[in-house]
Amino acid sequence: MMTLEFKSFIANKKNLIVCGLIVVVIAMFNTNFKREFQYQITLDSLEKDIGRLEIELKNNPKDMAFQAFNQKQLASIKAEKNAFVNKDYQTYWEKKIEQVGNISEDFKE
């Protein structure tokens, strides 16, 4: 009984087209939702890093090497966040790579 109803439902081309459109709309919504969710996670992470570095700069005013390192990191992360917010992903990744390069140079010394 159930299979007969299902076959007649599929046999109707209008129903098939409507179901196809519903599937496409759901897929588009799901992709957009995932993209926005990932965007928000990245933005929150950048804001947490900025807040953490600002607190560290306030808590250790006498350690000049530490201050210089943190100020360099803070400037890089702020530029990274601005590029990310403006959807300038090339600059975002350049800043990300520059930040990693700065860390490795500081550990060489």
Protein backbone atom coordinates (compact mmCIF):
# COMPACT_ATOMS: atom_id res chain seq x y z
CA MET A 1 0.00 0.00 0.00
CA MET A 2 2.74 2.42 1.00
CA THR A 3 4.91 1.64 -2.02
CA LEU A 4 1.97 2.15 -4.36
CA GLU A 5 1.35 5.63 -2.92
CA PHE A 6 5.05 6.45 -3.16
CA LYS A 7 5.26 5.30 -6.79
CA SER A 8 2.23 7.38 -7.75
CA PHE A 9 3.72 10.37 -5.93
CA ILE A 10 6.98 10.07 -7.87
CA ALA A 11 5.11 9.47 -11.13
CA ASN A 12 3.64 12.94 -10.84
CA LYS A 13 6.36 15.17 -12.37
CA LYS A 14 5.21 18.27 -10.52
CA ASN A 15 5.77 16.57 -7.18
CA LEU A 16 9.21 15.44 -8.30
CA ILE A 17 10.20 18.97 -9.35
CA VAL A 18 8.93 20.46 -6.08
CA CYS A 19 10.85 17.86 -4.04
CA GLY A 20 13.99 18.58 -6.06
CA LEU A 21 13.68 22.30 -5.43
CA ILE A 22 13.16 21.71 -1.71
CA VAL A 23 16.32 19.58 -1.59
CA VAL A 24 18.31 22.28 -3.41
CA VAL A 25 17.07 25.03 -1.07
CA ILE A 26 17.92 22.94 2.01
CA ALA A 27 21.42 22.21 0.65
CA MET A 28 22.04 25.91 -0.07
CA PHE A 29 20.84 26.93 3.39
CA ASN A 30 23.01 24.27 5.04
CA THR A 31 26.15 25.39 3.16
CA ASN A 32 25.56 29.06 3.98
CA PHE A 33 24.89 28.24 7.63
CA LYS A 34 28.16 26.30 7.92
CA ARG A 35 30.10 29.15 6.30
CA GLU A 36 28.61 31.76 8.65
CA PHE A 37 29.21 29.52 11.67
CA GLN A 38 32.90 29.05 10.73
CA TYR A 39 33.22 32.81 10.12
CA GLN A 40 31.87 33.58 13.60
CA ILE A 41 34.17 31.01 15.25
CA THR A 42 37.23 32.54 13.55
CA LEU A 43 36.18 36.07 14.45
CA ASP A 44 35.60 35.10 18.10
CA SER A 45 39.02 33.43 18.21
CA LEU A 46 40.73 36.56 16.87
CA GLU A 47 38.92 38.76 19.38
CA LYS A 48 39.95 36.47 22.25
CA ASP A 49 43.59 36.61 21.11
CA ILE A 50 43.46 40.42 20.96
CA GLY A 51 41.94 40.61 24.45
CA ARG A 52 44.50 38.18 25.86
CA LEU A 53 47.44 40.12 24.40
CA GLU A 54 46.10 43.46 25.65
CA ILE A 55 45.82 42.03 29.17
CA GLU A 56 49.36 40.61 28.98
CA LEU A 57 50.68 44.01 27.87
CA LYS A 58 49.03 45.70 30.87
CA ASN A 59 50.24 43.07 33.35
CA ASN A 60 53.95 43.09 32.36
CA PRO A 61 54.93 46.71 31.71
CA LYS A 62 58.60 46.30 32.79
CA ASP A 63 59.64 43.39 30.57
CA MET A 64 60.65 45.20 27.37
CA ALA A 65 61.39 42.10 25.27
CA PHE A 66 58.01 40.66 26.24
CA GLN A 67 56.33 44.00 25.47
CA ALA A 68 57.93 44.24 22.03
CA PHE A 69 56.97 40.67 21.15
CA ASN A 70 53.38 41.12 22.32
CA GLN A 71 52.98 44.47 20.56
CA LYS A 72 54.19 42.91 17.31
CA GLN A 73 51.76 40.01 17.77
CA LEU A 74 48.90 42.35 18.70
CA ALA A 75 49.42 44.52 15.61
CA SER A 76 49.55 41.43 13.40
CA ILE A 77 46.38 39.92 14.89
CA LYS A 78 44.49 43.23 14.61
CA ALA A 79 45.49 43.50 10.94
CA GLU A 80 44.46 39.86 10.48
CA LYS A 81 41.07 40.56 12.08
CA ASN A 82 40.50 43.66 9.92
CA ALA A 83 41.33 41.72 6.77
CA PHE A 84 39.03 38.89 7.85
CA VAL A 85 36.13 41.23 8.66
CA ASN A 86 36.57 43.01 5.30
CA LYS A 87 36.67 39.60 3.60
CA ASP A 88 40.14 40.33 2.21
CA TYR A 89 41.26 36.73 2.57
CA GLN A 90 44.56 37.17 0.72
CA THR A 91 45.72 39.77 3.27
CA TYR A 92 44.29 37.60 6.07
CA TRP A 93 46.46 34.64 5.07
CA GLU A 94 49.50 36.87 4.45
CA LYS A 95 49.18 38.20 8.01
CA LYS A 96 48.70 34.67 9.32
CA ILE A 97 51.90 33.52 7.58
CA GLU A 98 53.75 36.66 8.72
CA GLN A 99 52.65 36.00 12.30
CA VAL A 100 54.01 32.45 12.20
CA GLY A 101 57.26 33.76 10.69
CA ASN A 102 57.60 36.34 13.48
CA ILE A 103 57.16 33.67 16.12
CA SER A 104 59.80 31.41 14.58
CA GLU A 105 62.27 34.34 14.28
CA ASP A 106 61.80 35.24 17.94
CA PHE A 107 62.55 31.69 19.01
CA LYS A 108 65.75 31.60 16.94
CA GLU A 109 67.30 34.37 19.04
